[in-house]
Amino acid sequence: MKIRSGLYSVLLAAFCILPSSAAASSYGTATYSPKQSQDVLKNPYMGLAPDSRTSNNEQEHTLVYANLTWRMLEPTKGDYAFDEVEDAIRFEEWTEKDVKFILRIVMDLPDKKSDMEIPDWLYNEIGGDNDHFDDGEWYRNDYGKGYSPNYSNPLIIKYHKELIDALGERYKDDPRIAFIQLGSVGHWGEWHTDTSIPFPATEITDQYVQPYLDNFPDSMLLMRRPHPVAKEYKLGLFNDMFGNKEDTNSYLSWIQKGYVSWLTKEKMPAMPDFWKYAPSGGEFSPSDSLTSYFTRSSINQVISQAKASHISWLGPNTPARFEKDSDQQEYLDRFLNTIGYRFSITKETHAKAVEHGDSLAVTMDWQNRGVAPFYFPWILELSLADEDGEIVTKTNTDEDIRKWLPGKKTVKQSLEIPDNLPEGTYTLCVAILDPHTEEPGIQFAMEGKRPDGRYTLGTVQVRD
């Protein structure tokens, strides 16, 4: 009797210390498989990014693009015209529509007429009218006409730092800014020139990068091509010749293998995995019409480029102006369903019933059918809705959704059940929350979306 009594006591104690999720498993397991959707999703930080100054865009988009010239930003030395610039790029208007900005600072825009994109005060201070080699050069080349500063000039470097410092003071941690392309240097801010002034080596151009790093440590910064500084600080990259097969193949080769700069003869590093931690962007090449990229004969090649470069967004030269349901819509939709991230749950399991005060263990098989991850630490939320659809309890999980690379990902999280939750049948819901609004902010490629942006999964019984 003593042996039996002792064994009974041990078994009873072991049962009592079982975790609540294990006890709940005695109720059996419920499995739910949401129906997948092929709809084009309007999601943040990806897709088309037309010029912010345009308004006749029929395709939906969550991004806009704006070139900001130094001449616009600082017409008078030390006096930054941010209010006027924001009016020009329709900053408040787009913000009201929850559309975020991609910004690029430029000093040189080749055009049909010869213009200057640095301020007059800077041009005069560096002695521009003296036509001296150290100051800059008025040019006419295959790209167009314009004025190219001498980027090795220490005064330009000094005042550029002050400009980016002011930009950081204005926009650091501003949720309305999605990405900043490191322009500043070269024609269109694309880090190349075609003038008689030698293009500066990295020891000089790094001095244009450092102010961005100092002022935007948490922003998603992108460079035109792999550079040692881009690799060191894990920056994104952008390809402004996307769609052009030859130019994009060269760009992909630079990323995969590195390259020797044709401008400075320096060895530049490979960055094959950059897209895993920072975005890939760019715009469609102007070498062909936009409609030519979205035909039966061309779309597979364009999608192949998207997959190889893991691209998330394209702007400002984009098909945002395409008419809805035009001949190109089918191919554009295929493209939009490829780029960026595309999340859905293929299967979800949890206990059929759970008791008050316990936690409901939830296993979700997620799939990212896009070509890139999501790059911001947004919050995966689990919640329960009652029979009237009201959210009665919710939990912010510790899941890092930035690690959801293309492919499959099994996520195991739990939802705490309050002691005072009435008995009944509840629907499990899932969402990814925008931390700035604390509301659901990402659409999933599956059915079950509620009016509040959460998605319904299986049901669970809450018992005493």
Protein backbone atom coordinates (compact mmCIF):
# COMPACT_ATOMS: atom_id res chain seq x y z
CA MET A 1 0.00 0.00 0.00
CA LYS A 2 2.82 2.41 0.75
CA ILE A 3 4.39 1.82 -2.67
CA ARG A 4 1.08 2.28 -4.45
CA SER A 5 0.30 5.39 -2.40
CA GLY A 6 3.72 6.89 -3.14
CA LEU A 7 3.41 6.18 -6.87
CA TYR A 8 -0.06 7.75 -6.91
CA SER A 9 1.33 10.86 -5.21
CA VAL A 10 4.13 11.18 -7.77
CA LEU A 11 1.76 10.77 -10.71
CA LEU A 12 -0.67 13.28 -9.23
CA ALA A 13 2.10 15.82 -8.69
CA ALA A 14 3.41 15.34 -12.24
CA PHE A 15 -0.06 15.87 -13.67
CA CYS A 16 -0.54 19.05 -11.63
CA ILE A 17 2.64 20.66 -12.97
CA LEU A 18 1.87 19.95 -16.61
CA PRO A 19 1.80 23.23 -18.57
CA SER A 20 -1.66 24.54 -19.36
CA SER A 21 -1.13 24.01 -23.09
CA ALA A 22 -0.49 20.33 -22.47
CA ALA A 23 -3.62 20.07 -20.35
CA ALA A 24 -5.60 21.83 -23.06
CA SER A 25 -4.40 19.30 -25.63
CA SER A 26 -6.67 16.74 -24.00
CA TYR A 27 -9.53 18.51 -25.76
CA GLY A 28 -8.15 17.55 -29.16
CA THR A 29 -6.78 19.71 -31.94
CA ALA A 30 -8.60 21.95 -34.41
CA THR A 31 -7.05 22.59 -37.82
CA TYR A 32 -7.98 25.44 -40.12
CA SER A 33 -6.75 26.04 -43.70
CA PRO A 34 -7.71 29.47 -45.08
CA LYS A 35 -8.56 29.70 -48.76
CA GLN A 36 -5.73 31.40 -50.62
CA SER A 37 -6.30 34.57 -52.65
CA GLN A 38 -4.82 35.72 -55.96
CA ASP A 39 -5.89 39.34 -55.50
CA VAL A 40 -3.40 42.16 -55.88
CA LEU A 41 -2.81 43.48 -52.35
CA LYS A 42 -2.36 47.13 -51.45
CA ASN A 43 0.40 46.82 -48.86
CA PRO A 44 2.90 49.26 -47.33
CA TYR A 45 6.53 49.66 -48.38
CA MET A 46 6.14 47.82 -51.68
CA GLY A 47 4.68 48.12 -55.18
CA LEU A 48 4.60 51.10 -57.51
CA ALA A 49 6.01 54.49 -56.47
CA PRO A 50 4.96 57.14 -59.00
CA ASP A 51 6.25 60.72 -58.86
CA SER A 52 4.55 62.51 -55.99
CA ARG A 53 3.82 65.49 -58.21
CA THR A 54 1.54 63.46 -60.50
CA SER A 55 -2.09 62.77 -59.76
CA ASN A 56 -3.50 60.86 -62.73
CA ASN A 57 -2.51 57.39 -61.49
CA GLU A 58 -5.20 54.74 -61.86
CA GLN A 59 -3.24 51.90 -60.26
CA GLU A 60 -3.31 51.75 -56.47
CA HIS A 61 -0.07 52.47 -54.65
CA THR A 62 1.21 53.05 -51.11
CA LEU A 63 4.43 54.81 -52.09
CA VAL A 64 5.39 57.95 -53.98
CA TYR A 65 8.79 59.15 -55.09
CA ALA A 66 10.31 62.63 -54.89
CA ASN A 67 13.60 64.05 -56.12
CA LEU A 68 14.67 66.94 -53.91
CA THR A 69 17.31 69.22 -55.40
CA TRP A 70 19.71 71.10 -53.19
CA ARG A 71 18.57 74.25 -54.97
CA MET A 72 14.98 73.62 -53.76
CA LEU A 73 15.96 72.74 -50.22
CA GLU A 74 18.38 75.55 -49.39
CA PRO A 75 17.80 78.57 -51.68
CA THR A 76 19.46 80.80 -49.07
CA LYS A 77 22.49 79.63 -47.16
CA GLY A 78 21.38 78.08 -43.86
CA ASP A 79 17.70 78.72 -44.59
CA TYR A 80 15.95 75.46 -45.46
CA ALA A 81 12.70 75.71 -47.40
CA PHE A 82 11.11 72.51 -46.10
CA ASP A 83 7.58 73.91 -46.00
CA GLU A 84 7.77 75.07 -49.61
CA VAL A 85 9.33 71.78 -50.74
CA GLU A 86 6.65 69.76 -48.96
CA ASP A 87 3.97 71.80 -50.70
CA ALA A 88 5.64 71.14 -54.05
CA ILE A 89 5.79 67.37 -53.54
CA ARG A 90 2.27 67.27 -52.03
CA PHE A 91 3.51 65.94 -48.72
CA GLU A 92 0.40 66.49 -46.61
CA GLU A 93 -1.94 65.34 -49.37
CA TRP A 94 -0.23 62.00 -49.70
CA THR A 95 0.10 61.64 -45.93
CA GLU A 96 -3.67 61.94 -45.57
CA LYS A 97 -3.96 58.99 -47.96
CA ASP A 98 -1.44 56.97 -45.90
CA VAL A 99 1.03 56.99 -48.79
CA LYS A 100 4.69 57.10 -47.78
CA PHE A 101 7.64 58.80 -49.47
CA ILE A 102 10.85 57.67 -51.11
CA LEU A 103 13.27 60.61 -51.19
CA ARG A 104 16.44 61.28 -53.15
CA ILE A 105 18.66 64.35 -52.85
CA VAL A 106 20.18 65.41 -56.18
CA MET A 107 22.71 68.01 -57.28
CA ASP A 108 22.65 67.36 -61.01
CA LEU A 109 19.75 66.58 -63.36
CA PRO A 110 20.70 66.30 -67.05
CA ASP A 111 17.99 67.81 -69.23
CA LYS A 112 17.30 69.34 -72.63
CA LYS A 113 18.19 72.76 -71.26
CA SER A 114 21.18 73.64 -69.15
CA ASP A 115 20.08 74.09 -65.54
CA MET A 116 21.88 74.04 -62.21
CA GLU A 117 20.56 72.09 -59.20
CA ILE A 118 22.87 73.48 -56.52
CA PRO A 119 21.97 76.85 -54.96
CA ASP A 120 23.35 80.07 -56.40
CA TRP A 121 24.99 80.91 -53.09
CA LEU A 122 26.96 77.64 -53.19
CA TYR A 123 27.89 78.10 -56.84
CA ASN A 124 29.23 81.57 -56.06
CA GLU A 125 31.05 80.45 -52.93
CA ILE A 126 32.97 77.73 -54.74
CA GLY A 127 33.85 80.23 -57.47
CA GLY A 128 31.69 78.70 -60.15
CA ASP A 129 31.88 81.69 -62.50
CA ASN A 130 35.66 81.39 -62.59
CA ASP A 131 35.34 78.27 -64.75
CA HIS A 132 37.96 76.57 -62.60
CA PHE A 133 38.37 72.81 -62.66
CA ASP A 134 37.97 72.50 -58.88
CA ASP A 135 34.55 74.12 -58.92
CA GLY A 136 32.46 72.17 -61.39
CA GLU A 137 31.58 71.95 -65.04
CA TRP A 138 28.76 73.00 -67.31
CA TYR A 139 28.36 70.01 -69.60
CA ARG A 140 26.63 68.79 -72.74
CA ASN A 141 26.78 65.02 -73.21
CA ASP A 142 24.67 62.04 -74.29
CA TYR A 143 22.56 62.38 -71.14
CA GLY A 144 21.67 66.02 -71.73
CA LYS A 145 22.81 69.40 -70.45
CA GLY A 146 23.46 70.64 -66.95
CA TYR A 147 25.98 71.54 -64.28
CA SER A 148 28.07 68.94 -62.47
CA PRO A 149 29.76 70.03 -59.25
CA ASN A 150 33.23 68.79 -58.50
CA TYR A 151 32.34 66.32 -55.74
CA SER A 152 35.91 66.39 -54.39
CA ASN A 153 35.55 70.06 -53.45
CA PRO A 154 35.83 70.24 -49.63
CA LEU A 155 33.37 73.15 -49.42
CA ILE A 156 30.67 71.10 -51.18
CA ILE A 157 31.34 68.18 -48.84
CA LYS A 158 31.13 70.48 -45.81
CA TYR A 159 27.86 72.12 -46.83
CA HIS A 160 26.37 68.82 -47.97
CA LYS A 161 26.87 67.46 -44.47
CA GLU A 162 25.01 70.46 -43.06
CA LEU A 163 22.20 69.87 -45.56
CA ILE A 164 21.77 66.22 -44.57
CA ASP A 165 22.01 67.19 -40.88
CA ALA A 166 19.07 69.53 -41.44
CA LEU A 167 17.21 66.83 -43.34
CA GLY A 168 17.76 64.46 -40.43
CA GLU A 169 16.53 67.00 -37.90
CA ARG A 170 13.35 67.36 -39.95
CA TYR A 171 12.64 63.73 -40.89
CA LYS A 172 14.53 61.37 -38.59
CA ASP A 173 12.14 58.67 -37.33
CA ASP A 174 9.32 60.21 -39.39
CA PRO A 175 6.94 57.33 -40.27
CA ARG A 176 5.87 59.21 -43.41
CA ILE A 177 9.29 58.54 -44.96
CA ALA A 178 9.62 54.98 -46.23
CA PHE A 179 13.08 54.98 -47.81
CA ILE A 180 15.90 57.37 -48.64
CA GLN A 181 18.04 56.73 -51.69
CA LEU A 182 21.60 57.94 -51.31
CA GLY A 183 21.62 60.23 -54.30
CA SER A 184 23.66 63.42 -53.84
CA VAL A 185 26.49 62.25 -56.11
CA GLY A 186 26.46 62.14 -59.92
CA HIS A 187 23.97 62.66 -62.74
CA TRP A 188 20.46 62.09 -61.27
CA GLY A 189 22.15 61.16 -58.00
CA GLU A 190 23.07 57.84 -59.60
CA TRP A 191 26.76 57.86 -58.68
CA HIS A 192 28.22 58.32 -62.14
CA THR A 193 29.17 61.30 -64.31
CA ASP A 194 30.20 61.93 -67.89
CA THR A 195 32.29 65.07 -67.59
CA SER A 196 35.97 65.97 -67.76
CA ILE A 197 36.13 66.07 -63.95
CA PRO A 198 37.40 62.74 -62.57
CA PHE A 199 34.81 60.87 -60.53
CA PRO A 200 35.96 60.75 -56.88
CA ALA A 201 37.25 57.61 -55.20
CA THR A 202 35.44 56.00 -52.29
CA GLU A 203 37.48 57.91 -49.70
CA ILE A 204 35.71 61.01 -51.03
CA THR A 205 32.26 59.58 -51.79
CA ASP A 206 32.09 57.95 -48.35
CA GLN A 207 32.03 61.49 -46.97
CA TYR A 208 28.69 61.95 -48.73
CA VAL A 209 27.36 58.71 -47.23
CA GLN A 210 28.38 59.32 -43.61
CA PRO A 211 25.89 62.15 -42.95
CA TYR A 212 23.04 59.87 -44.02
CA LEU A 213 24.29 57.16 -41.67
CA ASP A 214 24.60 59.66 -38.83
CA ASN A 215 21.15 61.17 -39.31
CA PHE A 216 19.07 58.19 -40.39
CA PRO A 217 20.38 55.22 -38.40
CA ASP A 218 17.00 53.52 -38.33
CA SER A 219 15.86 54.36 -41.84
CA MET A 220 16.09 52.14 -44.87
CA LEU A 221 18.92 53.63 -46.93
CA LEU A 222 19.72 52.47 -50.45
CA MET A 223 22.71 52.99 -52.76
CA ARG A 224 22.81 52.74 -56.54
CA ARG A 225 25.41 49.94 -56.61
CA PRO A 226 27.46 47.84 -54.19
CA HIS A 227 30.13 49.87 -52.41
CA PRO A 228 32.26 48.91 -49.41
CA VAL A 229 30.27 51.32 -47.22
CA ALA A 230 26.99 49.78 -48.40
CA LYS A 231 28.20 46.31 -47.47
CA GLU A 232 29.60 47.43 -44.11
CA TYR A 233 26.39 49.14 -43.00
CA LYS A 234 24.00 46.69 -44.67
CA LEU A 235 22.34 49.21 -46.96
CA GLY A 236 19.80 48.44 -49.64
CA LEU A 237 20.44 48.83 -53.36
CA PHE A 238 18.45 50.21 -56.28
CA ASN A 239 18.47 49.56 -60.02
CA ASP A 240 17.27 52.47 -62.13
CA MET A 241 17.46 50.38 -65.31
CA PHE A 242 15.04 47.65 -64.25
CA GLY A 243 13.36 45.95 -67.20
CA ASN A 244 16.30 46.45 -69.52
CA LYS A 245 17.72 42.95 -69.77
CA GLU A 246 21.33 43.87 -70.55
CA ASP A 247 21.67 46.60 -67.93
CA THR A 248 19.88 44.57 -65.26
CA ASN A 249 22.07 41.56 -65.94
CA SER A 250 25.10 43.78 -65.34
CA TYR A 251 23.55 45.05 -62.10
CA LEU A 252 22.86 41.48 -60.95
CA SER A 253 26.42 40.49 -61.78
CA TRP A 254 27.75 43.37 -59.63
CA ILE A 255 25.64 42.13 -56.73
CA GLN A 256 26.61 38.48 -57.08
CA LYS A 257 30.29 38.79 -57.96
CA GLY A 258 31.40 42.35 -57.23
CA TYR A 259 33.00 44.48 -59.91
CA VAL A 260 35.77 46.92 -60.71
CA SER A 261 34.45 50.48 -60.95
CA TRP A 262 34.77 51.80 -64.47
CA LEU A 263 34.97 55.29 -62.93
CA THR A 264 37.66 54.90 -60.27
CA LYS A 265 39.14 51.43 -61.03
CA GLU A 266 38.44 50.39 -57.43
CA LYS A 267 37.32 46.89 -56.50
CA MET A 268 33.73 46.89 -55.29
CA PRO A 269 32.32 44.06 -53.15
CA ALA A 270 29.66 41.50 -53.91
CA MET A 271 26.45 41.86 -51.86
CA PRO A 272 24.41 38.77 -52.82
CA ASP A 273 22.35 38.67 -49.61
CA PHE A 274 21.70 42.39 -49.16
CA TRP A 275 17.95 41.95 -49.82
CA LYS A 276 17.58 39.77 -46.73
CA TYR A 277 18.06 42.77 -44.44
CA ALA A 278 17.52 45.88 -46.62
CA PRO A 279 15.29 46.56 -49.61
CA SER A 280 15.89 46.29 -53.32
CA GLY A 281 14.31 49.13 -55.27
CA GLY A 282 14.68 51.09 -58.49
CA GLU A 283 12.65 52.18 -61.49
CA PHE A 284 11.80 50.93 -64.94
CA SER A 285 14.39 51.77 -67.57
CA PRO A 286 13.36 54.62 -69.88
CA SER A 287 15.09 52.84 -72.76
CA ASP A 288 11.76 51.19 -73.63
CA SER A 289 8.12 52.21 -73.22
CA LEU A 290 6.40 51.05 -70.07
CA THR A 291 3.77 49.17 -72.03
CA SER A 292 6.48 47.09 -73.69
CA TYR A 293 7.33 45.50 -70.33
CA PHE A 294 3.79 44.18 -69.86
CA THR A 295 3.03 42.00 -72.83
CA ARG A 296 2.64 38.27 -73.29
CA SER A 297 6.11 38.04 -74.83
CA SER A 298 7.95 40.18 -72.25
CA ILE A 299 6.31 39.58 -68.88
CA ASN A 300 8.18 36.38 -68.03
CA GLN A 301 11.51 38.14 -68.52
CA VAL A 302 10.41 41.07 -66.34
CA ILE A 303 9.21 38.73 -63.59
CA SER A 304 12.48 36.82 -63.82
CA GLN A 305 14.36 40.07 -63.19
CA ALA A 306 12.11 40.78 -60.19
CA LYS A 307 12.87 37.37 -58.70
CA ALA A 308 16.60 37.62 -59.32
CA SER A 309 16.87 41.08 -57.78
CA HIS A 310 14.31 40.46 -54.98
CA ILE A 311 12.80 43.83 -55.76
CA SER A 312 10.17 45.42 -53.49
CA TRP A 313 9.25 48.66 -55.27
CA LEU A 314 9.80 50.68 -58.44
CA GLY A 315 9.54 54.40 -59.02
CA PRO A 316 9.13 57.02 -60.29
CA ASN A 317 9.03 55.61 -63.84
CA THR A 318 6.27 53.05 -63.29
CA PRO A 319 3.03 51.82 -64.91
CA ALA A 320 0.93 53.55 -62.23
CA ARG A 321 -0.82 55.50 -64.99
CA PHE A 322 -2.01 52.38 -66.81
CA GLU A 323 -5.77 52.38 -67.16
CA LYS A 324 -7.56 49.87 -64.99
CA ASP A 325 -8.44 46.71 -66.93
CA SER A 326 -6.34 47.76 -69.92
CA ASP A 327 -4.66 45.18 -72.14
CA GLN A 328 -1.65 45.32 -69.81
CA GLN A 329 -3.58 44.77 -66.54
CA GLU A 330 -3.29 40.99 -66.51
CA TYR A 331 0.49 41.17 -66.85
CA LEU A 332 0.84 44.05 -64.41
CA ASP A 333 -1.15 42.09 -61.82
CA ARG A 334 1.17 39.11 -62.25
CA PHE A 335 4.12 41.40 -61.68
CA LEU A 336 2.60 43.07 -58.61
CA ASN A 337 1.81 39.67 -57.10
CA THR A 338 5.50 38.78 -57.45
CA ILE A 339 7.43 41.73 -56.04
CA GLY A 340 7.86 42.55 -52.36
CA TYR A 341 6.34 40.31 -49.71
CA ARG A 342 3.09 38.33 -49.94
CA PHE A 343 2.04 36.65 -46.70
CA SER A 344 -0.63 34.03 -46.11
CA ILE A 345 -1.35 31.20 -43.69
CA THR A 346 -1.75 27.80 -45.31
CA LYS A 347 -2.62 25.91 -42.10
CA GLU A 348 -3.31 26.82 -38.50
CA THR A 349 -3.80 24.47 -35.53
CA HIS A 350 -4.79 24.92 -31.89
CA ALA A 351 -6.64 23.05 -29.14
CA LYS A 352 -10.38 22.72 -29.68
CA ALA A 353 -11.02 24.03 -26.19
CA VAL A 354 -9.16 25.97 -23.53
CA GLU A 355 -9.89 26.91 -19.92
CA HIS A 356 -9.95 30.31 -18.25
CA GLY A 357 -6.52 31.50 -17.20
CA ASP A 358 -4.75 29.14 -19.59
CA SER A 359 -2.86 30.02 -22.77
CA LEU A 360 -3.94 28.85 -26.18
CA ALA A 361 -0.99 27.47 -28.13
CA VAL A 362 -1.26 28.35 -31.83
CA THR A 363 0.81 26.90 -34.66
CA MET A 364 0.68 28.71 -37.99
CA ASP A 365 2.23 27.64 -41.27
CA TRP A 366 2.97 30.93 -43.01
CA GLN A 367 4.04 31.30 -46.60
CA ASN A 368 5.71 34.31 -48.20
CA ARG A 369 5.00 34.00 -51.92
CA GLY A 370 6.79 37.25 -52.71
CA VAL A 371 10.48 37.73 -53.45
CA ALA A 372 11.45 39.80 -50.40
CA PRO A 373 10.83 40.04 -46.66
CA PHE A 374 9.13 42.87 -44.78
CA TYR A 375 11.84 45.18 -43.43
CA PHE A 376 10.26 46.77 -40.36
CA PRO A 377 9.65 45.37 -36.82
CA TRP A 378 5.86 45.37 -37.00
CA ILE A 379 3.88 43.30 -34.52
CA LEU A 380 2.22 39.91 -35.04
CA GLU A 381 -0.99 39.92 -32.99
CA LEU A 382 -3.29 37.06 -31.98
CA SER A 383 -6.79 37.79 -30.73
CA LEU A 384 -10.20 36.25 -30.02
CA ALA A 385 -13.50 37.57 -31.33
CA ASP A 386 -16.83 36.73 -29.70
CA GLU A 387 -19.96 35.65 -31.57
CA ASP A 388 -20.79 39.32 -32.23
CA GLY A 389 -17.39 39.87 -33.84
CA GLU A 390 -16.03 41.98 -30.97
CA ILE A 391 -12.36 41.50 -30.04
CA VAL A 392 -12.39 40.37 -26.39
CA THR A 393 -8.71 39.62 -25.82
CA LYS A 394 -5.50 40.06 -27.78
CA THR A 395 -1.78 39.44 -27.42
CA ASN A 396 1.19 41.09 -29.11
CA THR A 397 3.62 38.25 -29.82
CA ASP A 398 7.42 38.47 -29.90
CA GLU A 399 7.62 37.11 -33.46
CA ASP A 400 10.16 38.94 -35.68
CA ILE A 401 8.37 39.12 -39.03
CA ARG A 402 11.49 40.59 -40.67
CA LYS A 403 12.81 37.03 -40.77
CA TRP A 404 9.99 35.75 -42.97
CA LEU A 405 12.00 35.28 -46.15
CA PRO A 406 10.38 33.96 -49.34
CA GLY A 407 9.15 30.43 -48.72
CA LYS A 408 7.53 28.70 -45.75
CA LYS A 409 7.80 29.55 -42.07
CA THR A 410 6.21 27.73 -39.12
CA VAL A 411 5.35 30.11 -36.31
CA LYS A 412 4.40 28.94 -32.80
CA GLN A 413 2.89 31.52 -30.47
CA SER A 414 0.29 31.59 -27.70
CA LEU A 415 -2.67 33.69 -26.65
CA GLU A 416 -3.46 34.27 -22.98
CA ILE A 417 -7.10 33.54 -21.98
CA PRO A 418 -8.36 35.97 -19.30
CA ASP A 419 -9.83 34.50 -16.11
CA ASN A 420 -13.04 36.47 -16.57
CA LEU A 421 -13.73 35.56 -20.21
CA PRO A 422 -17.25 34.04 -20.40
CA GLU A 423 -17.71 30.49 -21.61
CA GLY A 424 -18.53 30.21 -25.27
CA THR A 425 -17.27 29.81 -28.83
CA TYR A 426 -14.68 32.31 -30.02
CA THR A 427 -12.94 32.90 -33.34
CA LEU A 428 -9.17 33.12 -33.41
CA CYS A 429 -7.90 36.14 -35.37
CA VAL A 430 -4.49 37.18 -36.62
CA ALA A 431 -3.05 40.49 -37.76
CA ILE A 432 0.20 42.38 -38.29
CA LEU A 433 0.00 45.73 -36.52
CA ASP A 434 1.54 49.01 -37.63
CA PRO A 435 3.31 50.17 -34.43
CA HIS A 436 2.61 53.82 -35.27
CA THR A 437 -1.17 53.30 -35.38
CA GLU A 438 -1.46 50.07 -33.33
CA GLU A 439 -3.93 48.90 -35.98
CA PRO A 440 -3.71 46.07 -38.56
CA GLY A 441 -1.57 47.32 -41.42
CA ILE A 442 -0.82 44.42 -43.77
CA GLN A 443 -3.19 42.50 -46.02
CA PHE A 444 -2.74 38.74 -46.40
CA ALA A 445 -3.17 36.70 -49.56
CA MET A 446 -6.05 34.69 -48.12
CA GLU A 447 -9.72 34.98 -47.38
CA GLY A 448 -11.21 35.86 -44.00
CA LYS A 449 -10.42 39.57 -43.76
CA ARG A 450 -12.58 41.39 -41.22
CA PRO A 451 -13.60 45.07 -41.53
CA ASP A 452 -10.96 45.95 -38.92
CA GLY A 453 -8.17 44.36 -40.99
CA ARG A 454 -7.74 41.24 -38.87
CA TYR A 455 -8.12 37.80 -40.45
CA THR A 456 -10.25 35.02 -39.00
CA LEU A 457 -8.87 31.54 -38.40
CA GLY A 458 -10.43 28.58 -36.58
CA THR A 459 -12.76 28.59 -33.56
CA VAL A 460 -12.09 27.59 -29.97
CA GLN A 461 -14.31 26.74 -26.98
CA VAL A 462 -13.53 28.61 -23.75
CA ARG A 463 -14.60 26.56 -20.71
CA ASP A 464 -14.60 26.84 -16.93
